[in-house]
C-alpha atoms as a PDB file:
ATOM      1  CA  MET A   1       5.687  45.323 -25.286  1.00  0.00           C
ATOM      2  CA  ALA A   2       5.176  42.963 -22.348  1.00  0.00           C
ATOM      3  CA  SER A   3       7.483  43.242 -19.429  1.00  0.00           C
ATOM      4  CA  LEU A   4       9.817  40.406 -18.524  1.00  0.00           C
ATOM      5  CA  LYS A   5       7.984  39.896 -15.214  1.00  0.00           C
ATOM      6  CA  THR A   6       4.627  39.073 -16.848  1.00  0.00           C
ATOM      7  CA  GLN A   7       6.228  36.603 -19.252  1.00  0.00           C
ATOM      8  CA  THR A   8       7.675  34.459 -16.444  1.00  0.00           C
ATOM      9  CA  GLU A   9       4.857  34.885 -13.925  1.00  0.00           C
ATOM     10  CA  ARG A  10       3.007  31.825 -12.721  1.00  0.00           C
ATOM     11  CA  PRO A  11      -0.754  31.710 -13.114  1.00  0.00           C
ATOM     12  CA  GLY A  12      -2.747  32.823 -10.088  1.00  0.00           C
ATOM     13  CA  PHE A  13      -3.961  30.540  -7.343  1.00  0.00           C
ATOM     14  CA  VAL A  14      -7.490  30.289  -8.737  1.00  0.00           C
ATOM     15  CA  ALA A  15      -6.197  29.420 -12.224  1.00  0.00           C
ATOM     16  CA  ARG A  16      -3.936  26.719 -10.811  1.00  0.00           C
ATOM     17  CA  MET A  17      -6.768  25.276  -8.725  1.00  0.00           C
ATOM     18  CA  ARG A  18      -9.069  25.280 -11.775  1.00  0.00           C
ATOM     19  CA  THR A  19      -6.404  23.448 -13.811  1.00  0.00           C
ATOM     20  CA  TRP A  20      -5.867  20.949 -11.002  1.00  0.00           C
ATOM     21  CA  PHE A  21      -9.606  20.311 -10.684  1.00  0.00           C
ATOM     22  CA  ASN A  22      -9.995  19.895 -14.457  1.00  0.00           C
ATOM     23  CA  ASP A  23      -7.103  17.417 -14.481  1.00  0.00           C
ATOM     24  CA  ILE A  24      -8.816  15.403 -11.742  1.00  0.00           C
ATOM     25  CA  LEU A  25     -12.098  15.351 -13.673  1.00  0.00           C
ATOM     26  CA  ALA A  26     -10.310  14.275 -16.863  1.00  0.00           C
ATOM     27  CA  GLU A  27      -8.637  11.423 -14.984  1.00  0.00           C
ATOM     28  CA  LEU A  28     -11.934  10.327 -13.398  1.00  0.00           C
ATOM     29  CA  ARG A  29     -13.557  10.152 -16.846  1.00  0.00           C
ATOM     30  CA  ARG A  30     -10.960   7.545 -17.839  1.00  0.00           C
ATOM     31  CA  VAL A  31     -11.701   5.283 -14.846  1.00  0.00           C
ATOM     32  CA  VAL A  32     -13.292   1.944 -15.770  1.00  0.00           C
ATOM     33  CA  LYS A  33     -15.245   0.035 -13.143  1.00  0.00           C
ATOM     34  CA  PRO A  34     -14.408  -3.669 -12.889  1.00  0.00           C
ATOM     35  CA  THR A  35     -17.053  -6.214 -13.759  1.00  0.00           C
ATOM     36  CA  PRO A  36     -18.483  -8.394 -10.969  1.00  0.00           C
ATOM     37  CA  GLU A  37     -16.406 -11.311 -12.290  1.00  0.00           C
ATOM     38  CA  GLU A  38     -13.213  -9.242 -12.141  1.00  0.00           C
ATOM     39  CA  THR A  39     -14.088  -8.087  -8.628  1.00  0.00           C
ATOM     40  CA  THR A  40     -14.616 -11.699  -7.498  1.00  0.00           C
ATOM     41  CA  GLN A  41     -11.350 -12.784  -9.107  1.00  0.00           C
ATOM     42  CA  MET A  42      -9.378  -9.956  -7.463  1.00  0.00           C
ATOM     43  CA  MET A  43     -11.020 -10.697  -4.109  1.00  0.00           C
ATOM     44  CA  LEU A  44      -9.985 -14.360  -4.345  1.00  0.00           C
ATOM     45  CA  VAL A  45      -6.416 -13.360  -5.196  1.00  0.00           C
ATOM     46  CA  VAL A  46      -6.280 -11.089  -2.138  1.00  0.00           C
ATOM     47  CA  ILE A  47      -7.740 -13.778   0.147  1.00  0.00           C
ATOM     48  CA  GLY A  48      -5.266 -16.334  -1.204  1.00  0.00           C
ATOM     49  CA  PHE A  49      -2.340 -13.982  -0.670  1.00  0.00           C
ATOM     50  CA  VAL A  50      -3.475 -13.189   2.874  1.00  0.00           C
ATOM     51  CA  LEU A  51      -3.727 -16.904   3.669  1.00  0.00           C
ATOM     52  CA  ILE A  52      -0.236 -17.571   2.304  1.00  0.00           C
ATOM     53  CA  VAL A  53       1.230 -14.715   4.352  1.00  0.00           C
ATOM     54  CA  ALA A  54      -0.659 -15.903   7.454  1.00  0.00           C
ATOM     55  CA  LEU A  55       0.777 -19.407   7.038  1.00  0.00           C
ATOM     56  CA  TRP A  56       4.253 -17.934   6.555  1.00  0.00           C
ATOM     57  CA  PHE A  57       3.987 -15.968   9.818  1.00  0.00           C
ATOM     58  CA  ALA A  58       2.463 -18.930  11.676  1.00  0.00           C
ATOM     59  CA  PHE A  59       5.349 -21.142  10.551  1.00  0.00           C
ATOM     60  CA  TRP A  60       8.009 -18.687  11.714  1.00  0.00           C
ATOM     61  CA  ASP A  61       6.119 -18.061  14.946  1.00  0.00           C
ATOM     62  CA  ALA A  62       6.155 -21.807  15.695  1.00  0.00           C
ATOM     63  CA  VAL A  63       9.852 -22.149  14.778  1.00  0.00           C
ATOM     64  CA  LEU A  64      10.956 -19.169  16.867  1.00  0.00           C
ATOM     65  CA  THR A  65       8.767 -20.238  19.807  1.00  0.00           C
ATOM     66  CA  TYR A  66      10.389 -23.670  19.719  1.00  0.00           C
ATOM     67  CA  ILE A  67      13.879 -22.168  19.559  1.00  0.00           C
ATOM     68  CA  THR A  68      13.295 -19.747  22.431  1.00  0.00           C
ATOM     69  CA  THR A  69      11.739 -22.510  24.554  1.00  0.00           C
ATOM     70  CA  ARG A  70      14.803 -24.692  23.947  1.00  0.00           C
ATOM     71  CA  ILE A  71      17.137 -21.823  24.830  1.00  0.00           C
ATOM     72  CA  GLU A  72      15.147 -21.085  27.994  1.00  0.00           C
ATOM     73  CA  THR A  73      15.224 -24.747  29.051  1.00  0.00           C
ATOM     74  CA  TRP A  74      18.932 -24.943  28.289  1.00  0.00           C
ATOM     75  CA  SER A  75      19.712 -21.757  30.251  1.00  0.00           C
ATOM     76  CA  GLN A  76      17.672 -22.949  33.258  1.00  0.00           C
ATOM     77  CA  SER A  77      19.819 -26.075  33.475  1.00  0.00           C
ATOM     78  CA  PHE A  78      22.783 -23.844  34.430  1.00  0.00           C
ATOM     79  CA  GLY A  79      20.834 -22.292  37.316  1.00  0.00           C
ATOM     80  CA  ARG A  80      20.765 -25.459  39.407  1.00  0.00           C
END
């Protein structure tokens, strides 16, 4: 009869590492490389998104620069 301790014991470190490594290999076997056309399409999507975000930041940079310049000019008029 097996003791209660052996029934609830976790596998050893080596067994857990072997299981982890086998899981990684199984996952890597399922990986599918994209075709060159898919890679080009994804690259264009990323470039487009980066350009849109860059324009968004440039717009807000210009707006906030204008506002702070106006505030600075307005506050300097009180210093006379």
